[in-house]
Protein backbone atom coordinates (compact mmCIF):
# COMPACT_ATOMS: atom_id res chain seq x y z
CA MET A 1 -0.09 0.09 0.08
CA ALA A 2 1.34 3.45 -0.80
CA ASN A 3 2.25 5.61 2.09
CA GLU A 4 -0.39 8.47 2.22
CA HIS A 5 1.98 10.66 3.77
CA ALA A 6 4.68 10.33 1.33
CA SER A 7 6.12 13.46 -0.44
CA PRO A 8 4.95 13.89 -4.10
CA LYS A 9 7.60 12.33 -6.18
CA THR A 10 9.28 14.13 -9.12
CA THR A 11 11.63 13.02 -11.90
CA PRO A 12 14.93 14.92 -11.85
CA SER A 13 16.31 12.82 -14.50
CA GLY A 14 14.46 14.53 -17.22
CA LYS A 15 11.10 16.38 -17.93
CA SER A 16 8.25 13.79 -18.26
CA SER A 17 6.06 13.86 -21.14
CA GLY A 18 3.46 16.55 -21.25
CA GLN A 19 5.25 18.58 -18.79
CA VAL A 20 5.27 22.43 -19.41
CA ALA A 21 8.72 24.03 -19.72
CA GLY A 22 9.60 26.59 -17.37
CA PRO A 23 9.07 30.21 -17.94
CA LEU A 24 12.90 30.97 -18.28
CA ALA A 25 13.53 27.97 -20.71
CA GLY A 26 15.74 28.97 -23.62
CA LEU A 27 17.96 31.37 -21.32
CA ARG A 28 21.56 30.45 -20.43
CA VAL A 29 23.31 31.27 -17.17
CA ILE A 30 27.03 30.99 -16.59
CA GLU A 31 27.37 30.62 -12.86
CA MET A 32 30.63 31.22 -11.61
CA GLY A 33 29.95 31.90 -7.88
CA THR A 34 30.51 29.58 -4.93
CA LEU A 35 28.68 28.75 -1.62
CA LEU A 36 25.43 30.38 -1.30
CA ALA A 37 24.94 34.17 -2.32
CA GLY A 38 25.66 33.62 -6.16
CA PRO A 39 24.43 29.81 -6.39
CA PHE A 40 21.03 30.49 -4.74
CA CYS A 41 20.26 32.86 -7.31
CA GLY A 42 21.40 30.33 -9.99
CA GLN A 43 18.98 27.76 -8.25
CA LEU A 44 16.04 30.04 -8.36
CA MET A 45 16.65 30.68 -12.18
CA GLY A 46 17.34 27.03 -12.99
CA ASP A 47 14.18 25.88 -10.97
CA PHE A 48 12.06 27.96 -13.58
CA GLY A 49 14.08 26.44 -16.59
CA ALA A 50 17.03 28.34 -17.34
CA GLU A 51 20.00 26.32 -18.38
CA VAL A 52 22.60 27.04 -15.55
CA ILE A 53 26.05 25.79 -16.63
CA LYS A 54 28.34 26.23 -13.42
CA LEU A 55 31.82 26.71 -13.89
CA GLU A 56 34.09 24.93 -10.92
CA PRO A 57 37.74 24.60 -10.27
CA PRO A 58 39.10 21.21 -11.66
CA GLY A 59 39.51 18.72 -8.95
CA GLN A 60 38.03 20.94 -6.37
CA GLY A 61 34.73 22.25 -7.23
CA ASP A 62 32.38 24.53 -5.36
CA PRO A 63 33.11 24.22 -1.46
CA MET A 64 29.40 23.76 -1.04
CA ARG A 65 29.83 20.13 -2.21
CA GLU A 66 31.30 19.83 1.34
CA TRP A 67 29.00 22.02 3.36
CA GLY A 68 26.00 21.43 5.66
CA ARG A 69 25.18 20.38 9.43
CA GLU A 70 24.70 16.71 8.72
CA LYS A 71 26.19 14.53 6.22
CA ALA A 72 25.11 11.19 4.81
CA HIS A 73 27.71 8.82 3.63
CA GLY A 74 30.22 11.66 4.23
CA MET A 75 28.27 13.90 1.66
CA SER A 76 26.80 17.40 1.81
CA LEU A 77 22.96 17.21 2.01
CA TRP A 78 22.67 21.22 1.23
CA TRP A 79 24.55 20.70 -2.26
CA PRO A 80 21.55 18.67 -3.53
CA VAL A 81 19.24 21.36 -3.11
CA VAL A 82 21.32 24.44 -4.27
CA ALA A 83 22.94 22.79 -7.20
CA ARG A 84 19.58 21.17 -8.58
CA ASN A 85 18.84 21.86 -12.27
CA LYS A 86 22.27 22.77 -12.83
CA LYS A 87 25.06 21.31 -15.21
CA SER A 88 28.71 21.34 -13.76
CA VAL A 89 31.71 22.14 -16.05
CA THR A 90 35.32 22.22 -14.56
CA LEU A 91 37.39 25.29 -15.84
CA ASN A 92 40.42 27.01 -14.34
CA LEU A 93 39.55 30.63 -14.07
CA ARG A 94 43.17 31.42 -12.67
CA GLU A 95 44.73 30.58 -16.00
CA ALA A 96 44.52 33.10 -19.02
CA GLU A 97 43.64 29.99 -21.23
CA GLY A 98 40.76 29.28 -18.77
CA GLN A 99 39.82 32.83 -19.09
CA ALA A 100 39.50 32.78 -22.66
CA ILE A 101 37.59 29.73 -22.60
CA ALA A 102 35.04 31.29 -20.10
CA LYS A 103 34.71 34.27 -22.50
CA ASP A 104 33.73 31.85 -25.39
CA LEU A 105 31.04 30.50 -23.11
CA ILE A 106 29.87 33.75 -21.93
CA ALA A 107 29.54 35.06 -25.55
CA LYS A 108 27.00 32.45 -26.09
CA ALA A 109 24.91 33.19 -22.66
CA ASP A 110 22.30 35.55 -21.45
CA PHE A 111 23.65 35.97 -18.00
CA VAL A 112 26.79 35.55 -16.11
CA LEU A 113 26.53 35.21 -12.39
CA GLU A 114 29.22 35.57 -9.75
CA ASN A 115 29.80 36.23 -6.20
CA PHE A 116 33.46 36.78 -5.80
CA ARG A 117 35.18 39.59 -4.01
CA PRO A 118 34.76 42.89 -6.17
CA GLY A 119 37.84 43.30 -8.35
CA THR A 120 38.21 39.35 -8.97
CA MET A 121 36.51 39.18 -12.25
CA GLU A 122 38.43 42.30 -13.21
CA ARG A 123 41.81 40.65 -12.52
CA TRP A 124 40.89 37.63 -14.58
CA ASN A 125 40.13 39.88 -17.61
CA LEU A 126 36.40 39.16 -17.17
CA SER A 127 35.36 42.71 -16.33
CA PHE A 128 31.73 43.69 -17.70
CA ALA A 129 33.50 46.19 -20.13
CA GLU A 130 35.47 43.27 -21.58
CA LEU A 131 32.55 40.80 -21.63
CA GLN A 132 30.27 43.60 -23.19
CA LYS A 133 32.57 43.45 -26.28
CA ILE A 134 32.00 39.96 -27.04
CA ASN A 135 28.27 40.16 -26.00
CA PRO A 136 26.58 43.40 -25.70
CA ARG A 137 23.32 41.86 -24.71
CA LEU A 138 24.91 40.25 -21.55
CA ILE A 139 23.42 40.84 -18.10
CA MET A 140 26.14 40.41 -15.37
CA ILE A 141 24.54 39.65 -11.92
CA ARG A 142 27.16 40.55 -9.31
CA VAL A 143 26.45 39.54 -5.66
CA SER A 144 28.75 40.53 -2.85
CA GLY A 145 28.89 41.58 0.74
CA PHE A 146 29.09 45.32 0.01
CA GLY A 147 28.38 46.04 -3.60
CA GLN A 148 30.85 46.77 -6.45
CA THR A 149 31.53 50.57 -5.31
CA GLY A 150 32.03 52.41 -2.17
CA PRO A 151 34.90 52.15 0.51
CA TYR A 152 34.11 48.93 1.75
CA ALA A 153 33.49 47.22 -1.72
CA LYS A 154 36.73 45.07 -1.59
CA ARG A 155 36.47 43.86 1.90
CA ALA A 156 35.58 40.15 2.48
CA GLY A 157 31.88 40.18 3.19
CA PHE A 158 29.99 37.00 4.14
CA GLY A 159 26.32 37.02 4.92
CA ALA A 160 26.83 37.21 8.83
CA VAL A 161 28.51 40.51 8.18
CA GLY A 162 26.07 41.83 5.95
CA GLU A 163 23.23 40.93 8.42
CA ALA A 164 24.90 42.80 11.08
CA MET A 165 25.58 45.98 8.81
CA GLY A 166 22.19 45.98 7.42
CA GLY A 167 20.67 46.17 10.90
CA LEU A 168 19.02 42.43 11.15
CA ARG A 169 21.45 41.09 13.70
CA TYR A 170 20.97 43.82 16.20
CA VAL A 171 17.18 43.26 16.42
CA CYS A 172 17.30 39.25 16.41
CA GLY A 173 17.18 37.48 19.85
CA ASP A 174 16.49 38.35 23.40
CA PRO A 175 17.05 41.68 25.14
CA SER A 176 19.20 39.69 27.70
CA THR A 177 21.80 38.08 25.16
CA PRO A 178 23.98 39.51 22.59
CA PRO A 179 22.48 39.88 19.04
CA SER A 180 21.43 36.36 17.73
CA ARG A 181 21.72 34.71 14.26
CA MET A 182 18.53 33.82 12.47
CA GLY A 183 19.28 30.08 12.32
CA ILE A 184 19.76 30.16 8.51
CA SER A 185 22.15 32.05 6.13
CA ILE A 186 19.61 34.75 5.53
CA GLY A 187 21.55 37.49 4.31
CA ASP A 188 23.14 35.48 1.53
CA SER A 189 19.56 34.27 0.33
CA LEU A 190 18.19 37.65 0.52
CA ALA A 191 21.09 39.05 -1.66
CA ALA A 192 20.53 36.18 -3.95
CA THR A 193 16.79 36.66 -4.39
CA PHE A 194 17.22 40.43 -4.93
CA ALA A 195 20.05 39.42 -7.59
CA CYS A 196 17.34 37.33 -9.36
CA ILE A 197 14.81 39.91 -9.24
CA GLY A 198 17.48 42.38 -10.62
CA GLY A 199 18.53 39.75 -13.45
CA LEU A 200 14.99 39.37 -14.48
CA THR A 201 14.24 42.98 -14.52
CA ALA A 202 17.21 43.81 -16.58
CA LEU A 203 16.07 40.96 -19.05
CA TYR A 204 12.91 42.77 -19.60
CA TYR A 205 14.74 46.02 -20.34
CA ARG A 206 16.96 43.97 -22.59
CA GLU A 207 14.11 42.80 -24.50
CA ARG A 208 12.98 46.24 -25.23
CA THR A 209 16.38 47.75 -26.02
CA GLY A 210 18.74 45.06 -26.69
CA GLN A 211 21.02 46.37 -24.13
CA GLY A 212 22.68 44.27 -21.33
CA GLN A 213 23.78 45.79 -17.92
CA VAL A 214 25.10 44.98 -14.44
CA VAL A 215 23.01 43.98 -11.57
CA ASP A 216 24.87 44.78 -8.34
CA SER A 217 23.33 42.90 -5.33
CA ALA A 218 25.01 43.88 -2.04
CA ILE A 219 24.24 41.49 1.01
CA TYR A 220 23.89 44.39 3.47
CA GLU A 221 21.50 46.46 1.10
CA ALA A 222 19.19 43.24 0.65
CA VAL A 223 18.97 42.88 4.42
CA LEU A 224 18.51 46.77 4.59
CA ASN A 225 15.52 46.61 2.28
CA MET A 226 13.83 43.95 4.64
CA MET A 227 13.97 46.27 7.61
CA GLU A 228 10.51 47.94 7.52
CA SER A 229 10.67 51.34 8.95
CA LEU A 230 13.75 51.05 10.96
CA ILE A 231 15.26 54.13 9.02
CA THR A 232 12.31 56.34 9.06
CA GLU A 233 11.62 55.83 12.47
CA TYR A 234 15.22 57.04 13.59
CA ASP A 235 15.08 59.75 11.28
CA LYS A 236 11.91 61.47 12.50
CA THR A 237 11.63 60.22 16.15
CA GLY A 238 14.99 59.18 16.99
CA TYR A 239 13.85 55.46 17.97
CA ILE A 240 16.18 52.72 17.65
CA ARG A 241 14.59 49.03 17.63
CA GLU A 242 15.97 46.72 20.18
CA ARG A 243 15.89 42.94 20.59
CA THR A 244 12.48 42.08 21.74
CA GLY A 245 12.44 38.24 21.87
CA ALA A 246 9.36 36.58 20.71
CA ILE A 247 7.14 39.88 20.48
CA LEU A 248 7.11 43.07 18.38
CA PRO A 249 6.69 45.69 20.79
CA ASN A 250 3.18 47.39 20.98
CA VAL A 251 1.85 44.63 18.71
CA ALA A 252 -0.63 42.61 20.89
CA PRO A 253 -1.54 39.96 20.94
CA SER A 254 1.02 38.40 18.59
CA ASN A 255 3.00 35.84 20.45
CA VAL A 256 3.85 32.04 21.09
CA TYR A 257 1.68 30.53 23.69
CA PRO A 258 2.10 27.27 25.59
CA THR A 259 -0.69 24.56 25.46
CA ARG A 260 -1.66 21.92 27.90
CA ASP A 261 -0.10 19.08 25.99
CA GLY A 262 3.22 20.71 26.12
CA GLY A 263 2.92 22.21 22.89
CA MET A 264 3.26 25.61 21.45
CA ILE A 265 0.85 27.76 19.16
CA LEU A 266 1.39 31.12 17.54
CA ILE A 267 -1.55 33.49 17.70
CA ALA A 268 -1.71 36.65 15.94
CA ALA A 269 -4.78 38.67 16.87
CA ASN A 270 -3.57 42.32 17.20
CA GLN A 271 -6.12 43.82 14.97
CA ASP A 272 -9.17 45.12 16.61
CA THR A 273 -11.81 43.00 14.73
CA VAL A 274 -9.56 39.70 15.08
CA PHE A 275 -8.97 40.44 18.62
CA SER A 276 -12.65 40.74 19.24
CA ARG A 277 -13.04 37.26 17.75
CA LEU A 278 -10.30 35.87 19.86
CA ALA A 279 -12.01 37.00 23.04
CA GLU A 280 -15.09 35.27 21.94
CA ALA A 281 -13.19 31.96 21.09
CA MET A 282 -11.73 32.43 24.72
CA GLY A 283 -15.18 32.62 26.05
CA ARG A 284 -14.44 36.20 27.19
CA PRO A 285 -16.17 38.29 24.81
CA GLU A 286 -16.23 41.33 27.19
CA LEU A 287 -12.39 41.45 26.76
CA ALA A 288 -13.04 43.07 23.43
CA LYS A 289 -14.74 46.06 25.11
CA ASP A 290 -12.66 46.51 27.83
CA GLU A 291 -11.14 49.92 27.75
CA ARG A 292 -7.76 48.14 28.59
CA TYR A 293 -7.93 46.00 25.40
CA ALA A 294 -10.45 47.46 23.13
CA THR A 295 -7.72 49.43 20.69
CA HIS A 296 -4.54 48.39 19.11
CA THR A 297 -3.06 51.12 21.29
CA ALA A 298 -4.47 50.05 24.69
CA ARG A 299 -3.46 46.44 23.91
CA GLY A 300 0.04 47.36 23.07
CA ALA A 301 0.53 49.22 26.39
CA ARG A 302 -0.63 46.05 28.20
CA GLN A 303 1.29 43.66 26.13
CA LYS A 304 2.60 41.43 28.90
CA GLU A 305 -0.68 41.67 30.82
CA LEU A 306 -2.56 40.33 27.92
CA ASP A 307 -0.04 37.77 26.72
CA ASP A 308 -0.31 36.46 30.44
CA LEU A 309 -3.96 36.27 30.11
CA ILE A 310 -4.10 34.41 26.82
CA ALA A 311 -1.46 32.03 28.11
CA ASP A 312 -3.31 31.16 30.91
CA TRP A 313 -6.11 30.15 28.77
CA THR A 314 -4.25 28.09 26.05
CA ARG A 315 -2.58 26.04 29.12
CA THR A 316 -5.91 24.41 29.58
CA ILE A 317 -6.24 23.24 26.10
CA ASP A 318 -4.16 20.97 23.87
CA ALA A 319 -2.66 22.53 20.71
CA ALA A 320 -4.78 20.88 18.26
CA GLU A 321 -7.80 21.95 20.13
CA VAL A 322 -6.63 25.63 20.18
CA GLU A 323 -5.66 25.40 16.43
CA LYS A 324 -9.16 24.11 15.69
CA LEU A 325 -10.74 27.01 17.81
CA MET A 326 -8.65 29.78 15.81
CA ASP A 327 -9.64 28.23 12.42
CA GLN A 328 -13.46 28.12 13.55
CA PHE A 329 -13.24 31.95 14.73
CA GLY A 330 -10.91 32.92 11.72
CA ILE A 331 -7.90 33.78 13.86
CA PRO A 332 -4.38 33.58 12.28
CA SER A 333 -2.40 31.00 14.20
CA GLY A 334 -0.06 28.09 13.72
CA LYS A 335 1.91 25.44 15.54
CA ILE A 336 5.72 25.87 15.60
CA TYR A 337 6.78 23.37 12.94
CA ARG A 338 10.29 21.46 12.77
CA THR A 339 10.84 19.17 9.70
CA PRO A 340 8.91 16.10 10.99
CA GLU A 341 5.81 18.19 11.42
CA MET A 342 5.97 19.71 7.85
CA LEU A 343 6.29 16.19 6.40
CA GLU A 344 3.30 15.10 8.03
CA ASP A 345 0.98 18.33 7.25
CA ALA A 346 -1.84 17.82 5.03
CA HIS A 347 -1.24 21.40 3.50
CA PHE A 348 2.28 20.71 2.49
CA ARG A 349 1.08 17.53 0.81
CA ALA A 350 -1.83 19.09 -0.99
CA ARG A 351 0.30 21.82 -2.24
CA GLN A 352 3.42 19.63 -3.03
CA ALA A 353 5.69 21.80 -0.87
CA ILE A 354 7.93 19.00 -0.47
CA VAL A 355 8.81 16.63 -3.09
CA THR A 356 10.67 13.32 -3.28
CA THR A 357 13.36 13.56 -5.92
CA MET A 358 15.80 10.90 -7.07
CA HIS A 359 19.46 11.33 -6.49
CA PRO A 360 22.10 8.94 -7.89
CA LYS A 361 24.01 8.48 -4.64
CA PHE A 362 21.23 9.09 -1.86
CA GLY A 363 18.28 7.50 -3.77
CA GLU A 364 15.08 8.97 -2.84
CA LEU A 365 15.60 12.50 -1.22
CA ARG A 366 12.99 14.79 0.02
CA MET A 367 13.41 18.53 -0.44
CA GLN A 368 11.26 21.78 -0.70
CA ASN A 369 9.81 22.30 -4.05
CA VAL A 370 9.92 25.07 -6.45
CA ALA A 371 8.51 28.45 -5.17
CA PRO A 372 6.34 30.40 -6.20
CA LYS A 373 3.64 28.44 -8.05
CA LEU A 374 3.03 29.55 -11.64
CA SER A 375 -0.48 28.24 -13.05
CA ALA A 376 0.69 28.09 -16.84
CA THR A 377 4.55 27.86 -16.70
CA PRO A 378 5.38 25.95 -13.17
CA GLY A 379 8.98 25.67 -12.19
CA THR A 380 10.27 22.17 -11.72
CA ILE A 381 13.25 19.99 -10.50
CA ARG A 382 14.27 18.45 -13.79
CA SER A 383 17.79 17.09 -12.90
CA ALA A 384 19.71 16.12 -9.55
CA ALA A 385 22.73 18.14 -8.61
CA PRO A 386 25.60 17.13 -10.70
CA GLU A 387 28.90 15.55 -9.97
CA LEU A 388 31.76 17.55 -10.38
CA GLY A 389 32.57 17.92 -14.19
CA GLN A 390 29.69 16.05 -15.06
CA HIS A 391 28.83 18.12 -18.05
CA SER A 392 32.06 19.28 -19.14
CA GLU A 393 32.49 17.16 -22.32
CA GLU A 394 28.65 17.83 -23.43
CA ILE A 395 29.07 21.66 -23.02
CA TYR A 396 32.55 21.68 -24.42
CA ARG A 397 31.34 19.86 -27.51
CA SER A 398 28.22 21.29 -27.92
CA LEU A 399 28.80 24.95 -27.33
CA LEU A 400 32.47 25.52 -28.40
CA GLY A 401 33.11 22.58 -30.74
CA PHE A 402 35.76 21.05 -28.79
CA ASP A 403 36.88 17.42 -30.09
CA ALA A 404 37.89 14.64 -27.96
CA ALA A 405 41.62 15.38 -28.36
CA LYS A 406 41.39 19.09 -27.30
CA ILE A 407 39.23 18.23 -24.27
CA SER A 408 41.84 15.55 -23.23
CA ASP A 409 44.66 18.04 -23.76
CA LEU A 410 42.93 20.73 -21.64
CA ARG A 411 42.31 18.20 -18.95
CA THR A 412 45.80 16.81 -18.85
CA ARG A 413 47.04 20.33 -18.54
CA GLY A 414 44.64 21.45 -15.60
CA ILE A 415 42.77 23.83 -17.71
CA ILE A 416 39.58 22.07 -17.39
């Protein structure tokens, strides 16, 4: 009998019959970055159908091949996600001959994507000015810690630094502790997402004008752009946001509350009408008319008092029952999920948010599906993360016309 809780399966070995090509099909990306800030942008573009050709150092590859908190059979479990839908080609960019081959590939591409320290591409004779000579329609997507210009441009800039400089790290965590991490590499991923938006925006412009351009995505600026009214609040009132733990100051009730069975449930009922429904669900409709809680401002002024009142109620009910009540009364709520809860959740299954892919070494491998969902041209996971240099011969033959002898010579000399 089939497992009703199993994740939907996809076929990464190729598109099944009748499968709609992704909206970016026909576009070619030369990915030259490493780790996450560049490659996640490549993942997004590959997920929606672009041909992503990843250039990696011979014999070494992207360090991401070795990264991850947990490894199975000594292999990274992060690499299969960030490198899905990509082709791996080995090329030594530190050698002039390798740089010349890179130019030949880029001449046939729509995008070149890199996240090296600013100045690296220029040292390799791969500046935008040089590349534009051979491909005027080229869109060059550059992701870095601080951007391509400015006094900090050439500093080393990992995601954590960008998160700190962009203001996110200072407001994360509990007031009693130093600034905390988010638990994921959010700065890198945000910069990659903005880079993808920029690349597709530049593509639209190119389709109207025929002109390529540079997309300059800085990690600290990507983080800064997520910081809501942080700047305007200080500019006009001098207010500096501080770490507030599980709450947003003056936004109440919106917190995580304990349940009778030891669970936790998030309830967000800070809007007046929603709080009125919460009060009714609690069997305390009078709270919505109590001047201490009747308005957004009043509730914010008594935030802890109100949170304690709600927690005293949720402690008397199991998490599933609280969630059912919240749904019944139209109150935004949800349990705090870990991976096991995601894999068991009916909504995740119904929307195929997690799919089972086939991997040549891991076998069946579950991972997050492509997002967002497009109705006519959805993205797909078409191929598993490649082995180092898996597509070298294919690409060098089909795009550059290299024969077996030339490929063998280049490989022997460490160029590919």
